[in-house]
Amino acid sequence: MRIVLIALLTLFALPVAAAELKIASWNIAWLTTKPAGHPDLPRTLRPRTNDEFARLRAYADRLAADVVALQEVDGPLAAARVFDATRYDFHFPAETDTQRAGFAWRRGLTVTRNPDLMALDLAPNARFSLRRGADITVRDGDSPPIRLLSVHLDGGCMWDPIRQPNSRDCQNLGRQAQILRDWIAARQGEGIAFGILGDFNRRMERNDEFIALLSEAGPLTRATQGVSNPCTARQGGARPFIDHILLGGPARDWLVRDSFRVMVFTERDAAIRDRLSDHCPISLRIDPR
């Protein structure tokens, strides 16, 4: 009996093996609790109705991600209209922009809030700035940590050269790529698993110079590579992604095969669907080991 008791106590003392983590990214398009006419909002922007918030919340519940990189969200109060605050916690950069990149994560995970990647905001004093990066480190139980960066990069340069001399947007995107390359190099130096998630505003083809510049700091796995985006499909045609999930360091080996998913809105009425967001959530699973 004593031997059995010791064996049971030993079993309970063993660390619990960490389960897979579902990591997602979602640009929720001007998600804010500010009223119509607020000076921080575009004049033509119509705030969401209670029904629209309820629909978004239902999709968040269905997504059931452990960690979600968010974009275009006006802080924790707005995020809590979509993600249940009794089950999720939030982090957003220390800036006043309405369109912020941030995170929601399942309570119970160990999360460290790292300093904002302030350098990504190339126009911090503009009315609509270019947004900081939100930076967290996530650990599930005794599993190795993963460092995650939520980004929303400059738009207007989806496929042109990032050093295009006649395009300020392309030049900005090129500068942001260099900043991300340096962030990646720092993570490579630490030997930590990492990921960059969000709205890159860039269609990354196989030989795209944007992803090539980032890869100078170390090899990356892009979950959207070779996949068409069904979210924006019209009349049966799919388009390239501009939302991406990049994994680097040990996280490249943690990617669960064939786990990449796109959650497509099911509303038949295009007007209702478009009111939710012009981006669908994307996700994958990792198995830290």
C-alpha atoms as a PDB file:
ATOM      1  CA  MET A   1       0.000   0.000   0.000  1.00  0.00           C
ATOM      2  CA  ARG A   2       2.847   2.340   0.880  1.00  0.00           C
ATOM      3  CA  ILE A   3       4.511   1.648  -2.472  1.00  0.00           C
ATOM      4  CA  VAL A   4       1.279   2.457  -4.306  1.00  0.00           C
ATOM      5  CA  LEU A   5       0.886   5.720  -2.342  1.00  0.00           C
ATOM      6  CA  ILE A   6       4.446   6.795  -3.132  1.00  0.00           C
ATOM      7  CA  ALA A   7       3.896   6.009  -6.798  1.00  0.00           C
ATOM      8  CA  LEU A   8       0.722   8.115  -6.886  1.00  0.00           C
ATOM      9  CA  LEU A   9       2.406  11.045  -5.130  1.00  0.00           C
ATOM     10  CA  THR A  10       5.278  10.851  -7.579  1.00  0.00           C
ATOM     11  CA  LEU A  11       2.845  10.838 -10.492  1.00  0.00           C
ATOM     12  CA  PHE A  12       1.035  13.930  -9.221  1.00  0.00           C
ATOM     13  CA  ALA A  13       4.357  15.713  -8.669  1.00  0.00           C
ATOM     14  CA  LEU A  14       5.361  15.352 -12.304  1.00  0.00           C
ATOM     15  CA  PRO A  15       4.933  18.489 -14.439  1.00  0.00           C
ATOM     16  CA  VAL A  16       1.848  18.479 -16.614  1.00  0.00           C
ATOM     17  CA  ALA A  17       2.736  18.189 -20.284  1.00  0.00           C
ATOM     18  CA  ALA A  18       1.738  21.328 -22.149  1.00  0.00           C
ATOM     19  CA  ALA A  19      -0.955  20.947 -24.754  1.00  0.00           C
ATOM     20  CA  GLU A  20      -0.830  22.440 -28.225  1.00  0.00           C
ATOM     21  CA  LEU A  21      -1.364  26.186 -28.420  1.00  0.00           C
ATOM     22  CA  LYS A  22      -3.694  27.722 -30.966  1.00  0.00           C
ATOM     23  CA  ILE A  23      -2.302  31.074 -32.111  1.00  0.00           C
ATOM     24  CA  ALA A  24      -4.362  33.419 -34.256  1.00  0.00           C
ATOM     25  CA  SER A  25      -4.316  36.857 -35.837  1.00  0.00           C
ATOM     26  CA  TRP A  26      -7.334  39.044 -36.553  1.00  0.00           C
ATOM     27  CA  ASN A  27      -7.707  42.587 -37.847  1.00  0.00           C
ATOM     28  CA  ILE A  28     -11.189  43.574 -36.613  1.00  0.00           C
ATOM     29  CA  ALA A  29     -11.381  46.821 -38.620  1.00  0.00           C
ATOM     30  CA  TRP A  30     -11.908  49.903 -36.437  1.00  0.00           C
ATOM     31  CA  LEU A  31     -13.094  47.977 -33.378  1.00  0.00           C
ATOM     32  CA  THR A  32     -13.916  50.792 -30.973  1.00  0.00           C
ATOM     33  CA  THR A  33     -16.453  51.825 -28.349  1.00  0.00           C
ATOM     34  CA  LYS A  34     -16.169  55.500 -29.331  1.00  0.00           C
ATOM     35  CA  PRO A  35     -19.387  57.101 -30.604  1.00  0.00           C
ATOM     36  CA  ALA A  36     -20.001  58.384 -34.112  1.00  0.00           C
ATOM     37  CA  GLY A  37     -18.509  61.820 -34.626  1.00  0.00           C
ATOM     38  CA  HIS A  38     -15.643  61.280 -32.184  1.00  0.00           C
ATOM     39  CA  PRO A  39     -12.612  63.308 -33.361  1.00  0.00           C
ATOM     40  CA  ASP A  40     -10.400  60.201 -33.327  1.00  0.00           C
ATOM     41  CA  LEU A  41     -12.593  58.471 -35.914  1.00  0.00           C
ATOM     42  CA  PRO A  42     -13.041  59.069 -39.644  1.00  0.00           C
ATOM     43  CA  ARG A  43     -16.143  61.144 -40.304  1.00  0.00           C
ATOM     44  CA  THR A  44     -17.776  58.429 -42.374  1.00  0.00           C
ATOM     45  CA  LEU A  45     -17.202  55.634 -39.849  1.00  0.00           C
ATOM     46  CA  ARG A  46     -20.401  54.194 -38.365  1.00  0.00           C
ATOM     47  CA  PRO A  47     -19.835  52.456 -35.019  1.00  0.00           C
ATOM     48  CA  ARG A  48     -20.970  48.859 -34.736  1.00  0.00           C
ATOM     49  CA  THR A  49     -24.377  47.930 -33.420  1.00  0.00           C
ATOM     50  CA  ASN A  50     -24.992  45.566 -30.511  1.00  0.00           C
ATOM     51  CA  ASP A  51     -25.974  42.886 -33.015  1.00  0.00           C
ATOM     52  CA  GLU A  52     -22.682  43.293 -34.862  1.00  0.00           C
ATOM     53  CA  PHE A  53     -20.711  43.069 -31.612  1.00  0.00           C
ATOM     54  CA  ALA A  54     -22.654  39.911 -30.759  1.00  0.00           C
ATOM     55  CA  ARG A  55     -21.790  38.377 -34.140  1.00  0.00           C
ATOM     56  CA  LEU A  56     -18.099  39.169 -33.646  1.00  0.00           C
ATOM     57  CA  ARG A  57     -18.205  37.662 -30.165  1.00  0.00           C
ATOM     58  CA  ALA A  58     -19.731  34.476 -31.553  1.00  0.00           C
ATOM     59  CA  TYR A  59     -16.864  34.219 -34.045  1.00  0.00           C
ATOM     60  CA  ALA A  60     -14.309  34.808 -31.266  1.00  0.00           C
ATOM     61  CA  ASP A  61     -15.908  31.991 -29.272  1.00  0.00           C
ATOM     62  CA  ARG A  62     -15.806  29.741 -32.308  1.00  0.00           C
ATOM     63  CA  LEU A  63     -12.163  30.657 -32.959  1.00  0.00           C
ATOM     64  CA  ALA A  64     -11.306  29.544 -29.399  1.00  0.00           C
ATOM     65  CA  ALA A  65      -7.668  30.555 -29.753  1.00  0.00           C
ATOM     66  CA  ASP A  66      -5.214  30.550 -26.867  1.00  0.00           C
ATOM     67  CA  VAL A  67      -3.498  33.702 -28.131  1.00  0.00           C
ATOM     68  CA  VAL A  68      -4.863  36.209 -30.663  1.00  0.00           C
ATOM     69  CA  ALA A  69      -2.795  38.984 -32.198  1.00  0.00           C
ATOM     70  CA  LEU A  70      -5.232  41.841 -32.770  1.00  0.00           C
ATOM     71  CA  GLN A  71      -5.125  44.816 -35.115  1.00  0.00           C
ATOM     72  CA  GLU A  72      -7.280  47.937 -35.423  1.00  0.00           C
ATOM     73  CA  VAL A  73      -8.591  47.562 -31.873  1.00  0.00           C
ATOM     74  CA  ASP A  74      -9.087  50.529 -29.548  1.00  0.00           C
ATOM     75  CA  GLY A  75      -7.701  48.919 -26.401  1.00  0.00           C
ATOM     76  CA  PRO A  76      -8.981  46.454 -23.775  1.00  0.00           C
ATOM     77  CA  LEU A  77     -12.512  47.882 -23.470  1.00  0.00           C
ATOM     78  CA  ALA A  78     -13.183  47.389 -27.165  1.00  0.00           C
ATOM     79  CA  ALA A  79     -11.488  43.983 -27.159  1.00  0.00           C
ATOM     80  CA  ALA A  80     -13.703  42.868 -24.278  1.00  0.00           C
ATOM     81  CA  ARG A  81     -16.784  43.483 -26.435  1.00  0.00           C
ATOM     82  CA  VAL A  82     -15.572  40.598 -28.619  1.00  0.00           C
ATOM     83  CA  PHE A  83     -13.468  38.420 -26.288  1.00  0.00           C
ATOM     84  CA  ASP A  84     -14.953  37.354 -22.953  1.00  0.00           C
ATOM     85  CA  ALA A  85     -12.900  39.179 -20.299  1.00  0.00           C
ATOM     86  CA  THR A  86     -13.593  36.406 -17.792  1.00  0.00           C
ATOM     87  CA  ARG A  87     -11.644  34.045 -20.046  1.00  0.00           C
ATOM     88  CA  TYR A  88      -9.194  36.399 -21.792  1.00  0.00           C
ATOM     89  CA  ASP A  89      -6.700  39.033 -20.735  1.00  0.00           C
ATOM     90  CA  PHE A  90      -5.396  41.816 -22.985  1.00  0.00           C
ATOM     91  CA  HIS A  91      -2.336  43.875 -23.784  1.00  0.00           C
ATOM     92  CA  PHE A  92      -2.029  46.940 -26.008  1.00  0.00           C
ATOM     93  CA  PRO A  93       0.837  49.371 -26.600  1.00  0.00           C
ATOM     94  CA  ALA A  94       1.010  52.541 -24.552  1.00  0.00           C
ATOM     95  CA  GLU A  95      -0.306  54.831 -27.284  1.00  0.00           C
ATOM     96  CA  THR A  96      -3.590  56.621 -27.839  1.00  0.00           C
ATOM     97  CA  ASP A  97      -4.317  55.484 -31.385  1.00  0.00           C
ATOM     98  CA  THR A  98      -7.729  54.010 -32.079  1.00  0.00           C
ATOM     99  CA  GLN A  99      -6.224  51.454 -34.471  1.00  0.00           C
ATOM    100  CA  ARG A 100      -3.817  49.601 -32.222  1.00  0.00           C
ATOM    101  CA  ALA A 101      -2.120  46.238 -32.537  1.00  0.00           C
ATOM    102  CA  GLY A 102      -2.359  44.150 -29.391  1.00  0.00           C
ATOM    103  CA  PHE A 103      -3.113  40.749 -27.918  1.00  0.00           C
ATOM    104  CA  ALA A 104      -5.842  38.730 -26.266  1.00  0.00           C
ATOM    105  CA  TRP A 105      -4.857  35.511 -24.510  1.00  0.00           C
ATOM    106  CA  ARG A 106      -6.487  32.766 -22.528  1.00  0.00           C
ATOM    107  CA  ARG A 107      -6.263  33.301 -18.791  1.00  0.00           C
ATOM    108  CA  GLY A 108      -4.033  30.666 -17.224  1.00  0.00           C
ATOM    109  CA  LEU A 109      -1.145  31.223 -19.605  1.00  0.00           C
ATOM    110  CA  THR A 110       1.953  32.907 -18.198  1.00  0.00           C
ATOM    111  CA  VAL A 111       2.450  36.109 -20.180  1.00  0.00           C
ATOM    112  CA  THR A 112       5.175  38.737 -19.916  1.00  0.00           C
ATOM    113  CA  ARG A 113       4.473  42.144 -21.433  1.00  0.00           C
ATOM    114  CA  ASN A 114       7.627  43.276 -23.214  1.00  0.00           C
ATOM    115  CA  PRO A 115       8.362  46.896 -24.198  1.00  0.00           C
ATOM    116  CA  ASP A 116       6.483  48.129 -27.260  1.00  0.00           C
ATOM    117  CA  LEU A 117       8.312  48.033 -30.556  1.00  0.00           C
ATOM    118  CA  MET A 118       7.994  51.795 -30.797  1.00  0.00           C
ATOM    119  CA  ALA A 119      10.249  52.137 -33.824  1.00  0.00           C
ATOM    120  CA  LEU A 120       7.567  50.654 -36.108  1.00  0.00           C
ATOM    121  CA  ASP A 121       5.516  53.826 -35.685  1.00  0.00           C
ATOM    122  CA  LEU A 122       7.289  56.024 -38.214  1.00  0.00           C
ATOM    123  CA  ALA A 123       4.744  58.837 -37.753  1.00  0.00           C
ATOM    124  CA  PRO A 124       3.955  58.912 -34.006  1.00  0.00           C
ATOM    125  CA  ASN A 125       2.573  62.442 -34.093  1.00  0.00           C
ATOM    126  CA  ALA A 126       0.250  61.928 -37.052  1.00  0.00           C
ATOM    127  CA  ARG A 127      -3.520  61.813 -36.483  1.00  0.00           C
ATOM    128  CA  PHE A 128      -3.533  58.230 -37.756  1.00  0.00           C
ATOM    129  CA  SER A 129      -0.050  56.979 -36.924  1.00  0.00           C
ATOM    130  CA  LEU A 130       1.755  53.915 -38.259  1.00  0.00           C
ATOM    131  CA  ARG A 131       1.259  51.967 -35.006  1.00  0.00           C
ATOM    132  CA  ARG A 132       3.680  50.385 -32.596  1.00  0.00           C
ATOM    133  CA  GLY A 133       4.240  46.654 -32.347  1.00  0.00           C
ATOM    134  CA  ALA A 134       2.817  44.817 -29.318  1.00  0.00           C
ATOM    135  CA  ASP A 135       5.361  42.399 -27.842  1.00  0.00           C
ATOM    136  CA  ILE A 136       4.644  39.580 -25.360  1.00  0.00           C
ATOM    137  CA  THR A 137       6.259  36.342 -24.212  1.00  0.00           C
ATOM    138  CA  VAL A 138       3.929  33.393 -23.645  1.00  0.00           C
ATOM    139  CA  ARG A 139       4.523  30.226 -21.657  1.00  0.00           C
ATOM    140  CA  ASP A 140       2.081  27.385 -21.115  1.00  0.00           C
ATOM    141  CA  GLY A 141       2.928  25.528 -17.926  1.00  0.00           C
ATOM    142  CA  ASP A 142       6.442  24.105 -18.081  1.00  0.00           C
ATOM    143  CA  SER A 143       6.718  24.344 -21.861  1.00  0.00           C
ATOM    144  CA  PRO A 144       9.376  26.532 -23.487  1.00  0.00           C
ATOM    145  CA  PRO A 145       8.326  30.158 -24.020  1.00  0.00           C
ATOM    146  CA  ILE A 146       7.494  31.790 -27.318  1.00  0.00           C
ATOM    147  CA  ARG A 147       7.847  35.502 -27.967  1.00  0.00           C
ATOM    148  CA  LEU A 148       5.127  37.036 -30.135  1.00  0.00           C
ATOM    149  CA  LEU A 149       4.883  40.366 -31.928  1.00  0.00           C
ATOM    150  CA  SER A 150       1.575  41.775 -33.195  1.00  0.00           C
ATOM    151  CA  VAL A 151       1.991  44.230 -36.077  1.00  0.00           C
ATOM    152  CA  HIS A 152      -0.054  46.370 -38.430  1.00  0.00           C
ATOM    153  CA  LEU A 153       2.269  47.777 -41.061  1.00  0.00           C
ATOM    154  CA  ASP A 154       1.943  50.674 -43.488  1.00  0.00           C
ATOM    155  CA  GLY A 155      -0.502  50.140 -46.347  1.00  0.00           C
ATOM    156  CA  GLY A 156      -0.254  51.116 -49.986  1.00  0.00           C
ATOM    157  CA  CYS A 157       2.640  48.878 -51.022  1.00  0.00           C
ATOM    158  CA  MET A 158       1.153  45.413 -51.478  1.00  0.00           C
ATOM    159  CA  TRP A 159       3.477  44.249 -54.250  1.00  0.00           C
ATOM    160  CA  ASP A 160       5.694  47.119 -55.448  1.00  0.00           C
ATOM    161  CA  PRO A 161       9.405  47.251 -54.575  1.00  0.00           C
ATOM    162  CA  ILE A 162       9.860  48.315 -50.961  1.00  0.00           C
ATOM    163  CA  ARG A 163      12.519  50.787 -52.044  1.00  0.00           C
ATOM    164  CA  GLN A 164      10.235  52.355 -54.653  1.00  0.00           C
ATOM    165  CA  PRO A 165      11.530  55.957 -54.859  1.00  0.00           C
ATOM    166  CA  ASN A 166       8.165  57.386 -55.942  1.00  0.00           C
ATOM    167  CA  SER A 167       6.143  55.820 -53.123  1.00  0.00           C
ATOM    168  CA  ARG A 168       6.305  57.035 -49.536  1.00  0.00           C
ATOM    169  CA  ASP A 169       4.267  53.994 -48.463  1.00  0.00           C
ATOM    170  CA  CYS A 170       6.773  51.596 -50.031  1.00  0.00           C
ATOM    171  CA  GLN A 171       9.671  53.454 -48.478  1.00  0.00           C
ATOM    172  CA  ASN A 172       7.918  53.305 -45.101  1.00  0.00           C
ATOM    173  CA  LEU A 173       7.301  49.584 -45.495  1.00  0.00           C
ATOM    174  CA  GLY A 174      10.961  49.082 -46.355  1.00  0.00           C
ATOM    175  CA  ARG A 175      11.985  50.918 -43.183  1.00  0.00           C
ATOM    176  CA  GLN A 176       9.567  48.834 -41.132  1.00  0.00           C
ATOM    177  CA  ALA A 177      11.009  45.675 -42.697  1.00  0.00           C
ATOM    178  CA  GLN A 178      14.469  46.683 -41.494  1.00  0.00           C
ATOM    179  CA  ILE A 179      13.094  47.250 -37.977  1.00  0.00           C
ATOM    180  CA  LEU A 180      11.488  43.815 -37.992  1.00  0.00           C
ATOM    181  CA  ARG A 181      14.706  42.282 -39.313  1.00  0.00           C
ATOM    182  CA  ASP A 182      16.557  43.739 -36.324  1.00  0.00           C
ATOM    183  CA  TRP A 183      13.883  42.424 -33.936  1.00  0.00           C
ATOM    184  CA  ILE A 184      14.232  38.971 -35.496  1.00  0.00           C
ATOM    185  CA  ALA A 185      18.026  39.158 -35.202  1.00  0.00           C
ATOM    186  CA  ALA A 186      17.687  39.889 -31.475  1.00  0.00           C
ATOM    187  CA  ARG A 187      15.428  36.874 -30.981  1.00  0.00           C
ATOM    188  CA  GLN A 188      17.812  34.699 -32.989  1.00  0.00           C
ATOM    189  CA  GLY A 189      20.613  35.847 -30.696  1.00  0.00           C
ATOM    190  CA  GLU A 190      18.566  34.827 -27.660  1.00  0.00           C
ATOM    191  CA  GLY A 191      17.779  31.439 -29.159  1.00  0.00           C
ATOM    192  CA  ILE A 192      14.083  31.834 -28.252  1.00  0.00           C
ATOM    193  CA  ALA A 193      11.098  30.669 -30.286  1.00  0.00           C
ATOM    194  CA  PHE A 194       9.241  33.603 -31.823  1.00  0.00           C
ATOM    195  CA  GLY A 195       6.459  34.632 -34.142  1.00  0.00           C
ATOM    196  CA  ILE A 196       5.331  37.798 -35.914  1.00  0.00           C
ATOM    197  CA  LEU A 197       1.597  37.985 -36.572  1.00  0.00           C
ATOM    198  CA  GLY A 198      -0.725  40.549 -38.043  1.00  0.00           C
ATOM    199  CA  ASP A 199      -1.670  42.733 -40.944  1.00  0.00           C
ATOM    200  CA  PHE A 200       1.474  43.217 -43.008  1.00  0.00           C
ATOM    201  CA  ASN A 201      -0.405  44.975 -45.831  1.00  0.00           C
ATOM    202  CA  ARG A 202       1.836  42.970 -48.130  1.00  0.00           C
ATOM    203  CA  ARG A 203       1.213  40.124 -50.557  1.00  0.00           C
ATOM    204  CA  MET A 204       4.286  37.972 -49.999  1.00  0.00           C
ATOM    205  CA  GLU A 205       5.016  36.015 -53.122  1.00  0.00           C
ATOM    206  CA  ARG A 206       7.699  33.338 -53.167  1.00  0.00           C
ATOM    207  CA  ASN A 207      10.532  35.735 -54.074  1.00  0.00           C
ATOM    208  CA  ASP A 208       9.138  38.830 -52.370  1.00  0.00           C
ATOM    209  CA  GLU A 209      11.883  41.214 -51.283  1.00  0.00           C
ATOM    210  CA  PHE A 210      10.041  42.115 -48.066  1.00  0.00           C
ATOM    211  CA  ILE A 211      10.186  38.579 -46.672  1.00  0.00           C
ATOM    212  CA  ALA A 212      13.684  38.192 -48.105  1.00  0.00           C
ATOM    213  CA  LEU A 213      14.844  41.208 -46.088  1.00  0.00           C
ATOM    214  CA  LEU A 214      13.356  39.776 -42.882  1.00  0.00           C
ATOM    215  CA  SER A 215      14.952  36.395 -43.601  1.00  0.00           C
ATOM    216  CA  GLU A 216      18.408  37.979 -43.609  1.00  0.00           C
ATOM    217  CA  ALA A 217      18.230  37.742 -39.804  1.00  0.00           C
ATOM    218  CA  GLY A 218      17.294  34.069 -39.810  1.00  0.00           C
ATOM    219  CA  PRO A 219      15.074  31.497 -41.517  1.00  0.00           C
ATOM    220  CA  LEU A 220      11.320  32.001 -41.222  1.00  0.00           C
ATOM    221  CA  THR A 221       8.289  29.823 -41.838  1.00  0.00           C
ATOM    222  CA  ARG A 222       5.294  31.672 -43.336  1.00  0.00           C
ATOM    223  CA  ALA A 223       2.057  29.849 -42.638  1.00  0.00           C
ATOM    224  CA  THR A 224       0.267  31.512 -45.564  1.00  0.00           C
ATOM    225  CA  GLN A 225       2.804  30.398 -48.162  1.00  0.00           C
ATOM    226  CA  GLY A 226       1.154  28.575 -51.038  1.00  0.00           C
ATOM    227  CA  VAL A 227      -2.362  29.239 -49.717  1.00  0.00           C
ATOM    228  CA  SER A 228      -5.044  31.517 -51.211  1.00  0.00           C
ATOM    229  CA  ASN A 229      -7.245  33.608 -48.953  1.00  0.00           C
ATOM    230  CA  PRO A 230     -10.906  32.515 -49.065  1.00  0.00           C
ATOM    231  CA  CYS A 231     -11.958  35.426 -46.844  1.00  0.00           C
ATOM    232  CA  THR A 232     -11.932  37.973 -49.642  1.00  0.00           C
ATOM    233  CA  ALA A 233     -13.121  35.600 -52.337  1.00  0.00           C
ATOM    234  CA  ARG A 234     -15.790  36.989 -54.627  1.00  0.00           C
ATOM    235  CA  GLN A 235     -17.553  34.860 -57.228  1.00  0.00           C
ATOM    236  CA  GLY A 236     -15.342  31.884 -56.472  1.00  0.00           C
ATOM    237  CA  GLY A 237     -11.986  33.651 -56.807  1.00  0.00           C
ATOM    238  CA  ALA A 238      -9.493  33.777 -53.920  1.00  0.00           C
ATOM    239  CA  ARG A 239      -6.788  36.375 -53.351  1.00  0.00           C
ATOM    240  CA  PRO A 240      -3.356  36.433 -51.742  1.00  0.00           C
ATOM    241  CA  PHE A 241      -3.101  37.076 -48.026  1.00  0.00           C
ATOM    242  CA  ILE A 242      -1.953  40.356 -46.514  1.00  0.00           C
ATOM    243  CA  ASP A 243      -2.375  38.934 -42.998  1.00  0.00           C
ATOM    244  CA  HIS A 244       0.416  36.529 -42.119  1.00  0.00           C
ATOM    245  CA  ILE A 245       1.910  34.450 -39.333  1.00  0.00           C
ATOM    246  CA  LEU A 246       5.696  34.098 -39.421  1.00  0.00           C
ATOM    247  CA  LEU A 247       7.494  31.645 -37.147  1.00  0.00           C
ATOM    248  CA  GLY A 248      11.197  31.668 -36.359  1.00  0.00           C
ATOM    249  CA  GLY A 249      13.743  29.959 -34.160  1.00  0.00           C
ATOM    250  CA  PRO A 250      12.570  26.724 -32.503  1.00  0.00           C
ATOM    251  CA  ALA A 251       8.940  27.679 -33.255  1.00  0.00           C
ATOM    252  CA  ARG A 252       9.459  26.601 -36.860  1.00  0.00           C
ATOM    253  CA  ASP A 253       9.725  23.017 -35.644  1.00  0.00           C
ATOM    254  CA  TRP A 254       6.714  23.439 -33.339  1.00  0.00           C
ATOM    255  CA  LEU A 255       4.267  24.126 -36.161  1.00  0.00           C
ATOM    256  CA  VAL A 256       1.647  21.396 -36.237  1.00  0.00           C
ATOM    257  CA  ARG A 257       1.392  20.117 -39.785  1.00  0.00           C
ATOM    258  CA  ASP A 258      -1.708  21.165 -41.737  1.00  0.00           C
ATOM    259  CA  SER A 259      -3.012  23.210 -38.805  1.00  0.00           C
ATOM    260  CA  PHE A 260      -3.309  26.550 -40.636  1.00  0.00           C
ATOM    261  CA  ARG A 261      -6.920  27.708 -40.827  1.00  0.00           C
ATOM    262  CA  VAL A 262      -8.972  30.681 -42.051  1.00  0.00           C
ATOM    263  CA  MET A 263     -12.293  31.345 -40.329  1.00  0.00           C
ATOM    264  CA  VAL A 264     -14.617  32.626 -43.049  1.00  0.00           C
ATOM    265  CA  PHE A 265     -17.703  34.617 -42.110  1.00  0.00           C
ATOM    266  CA  THR A 266     -20.877  32.721 -42.935  1.00  0.00           C
ATOM    267  CA  GLU A 267     -23.321  35.628 -43.324  1.00  0.00           C
ATOM    268  CA  ARG A 268     -24.974  35.467 -46.737  1.00  0.00           C
ATOM    269  CA  ASP A 269     -25.721  39.179 -46.783  1.00  0.00           C
ATOM    270  CA  ALA A 270     -22.546  40.881 -48.014  1.00  0.00           C
ATOM    271  CA  ALA A 271     -23.475  44.138 -46.293  1.00  0.00           C
ATOM    272  CA  ILE A 272     -23.654  42.399 -42.911  1.00  0.00           C
ATOM    273  CA  ARG A 273     -20.486  40.437 -43.573  1.00  0.00           C
ATOM    274  CA  ASP A 274     -18.557  43.542 -44.561  1.00  0.00           C
ATOM    275  CA  ARG A 275     -19.689  45.313 -41.394  1.00  0.00           C
ATOM    276  CA  LEU A 276     -17.929  42.685 -39.288  1.00  0.00           C
ATOM    277  CA  SER A 277     -14.469  43.149 -40.760  1.00  0.00           C
ATOM    278  CA  ASP A 278     -12.632  43.115 -44.061  1.00  0.00           C
ATOM    279  CA  HIS A 279     -10.245  40.533 -42.560  1.00  0.00           C
ATOM    280  CA  CYS A 280     -10.989  36.995 -41.378  1.00  0.00           C
ATOM    281  CA  PRO A 281      -9.157  35.396 -38.447  1.00  0.00           C
ATOM    282  CA  ILE A 282      -6.231  33.159 -39.399  1.00  0.00           C
ATOM    283  CA  SER A 283      -4.748  30.610 -37.030  1.00  0.00           C
ATOM    284  CA  LEU A 284      -2.333  27.733 -36.579  1.00  0.00           C
ATOM    285  CA  ARG A 285      -1.288  25.350 -33.828  1.00  0.00           C
ATOM    286  CA  ILE A 286       2.123  24.911 -32.288  1.00  0.00           C
ATOM    287  CA  ASP A 287       3.380  22.068 -30.141  1.00  0.00           C
ATOM    288  CA  PRO A 288       6.169  23.378 -27.867  1.00  0.00           C
ATOM    289  CA  ARG A 289       8.576  20.602 -26.951  1.00  0.00           C
END
